[in-house]
């Protein structure tokens, strides 16, 4: 009886943790979508401070997305695309830091494409 109770408790904890990870992913994705729009606008406006803030936050969020899909275990493409997105966000930070908004624009365009590529495989309708 103790073993059964132990396993039921363990299963409940595991299920709760898995649900939290899945929910976290949905919240992060909406935030990324909003930030990506803001980033593009701020680059077009050549607003260094706002662009850097958006790109840094995107880098942090894509790190969480990468961890989410790594934990999921069946989404190697999503892990790779998350890493690519982080690289692009970091490229934007570097470009804008050097006042190279043309390169930042190109990286932001690639970032949007990378998001769409991932959604092709993993976004639930």
Foldseek 3Di string as FASTA:
>chain_A
DVVVVVVVVVVVVVVVVLVVLVVVVVVLVVVLVVLLVQLLVCLVVLPLVSNLVSLVVLLVSLVSQLVSVVVVPPCPVSNVLSVLLNVLSVQLNVCSVVPNSVSNNVSSVVNVVSVVVSCVPDPDD
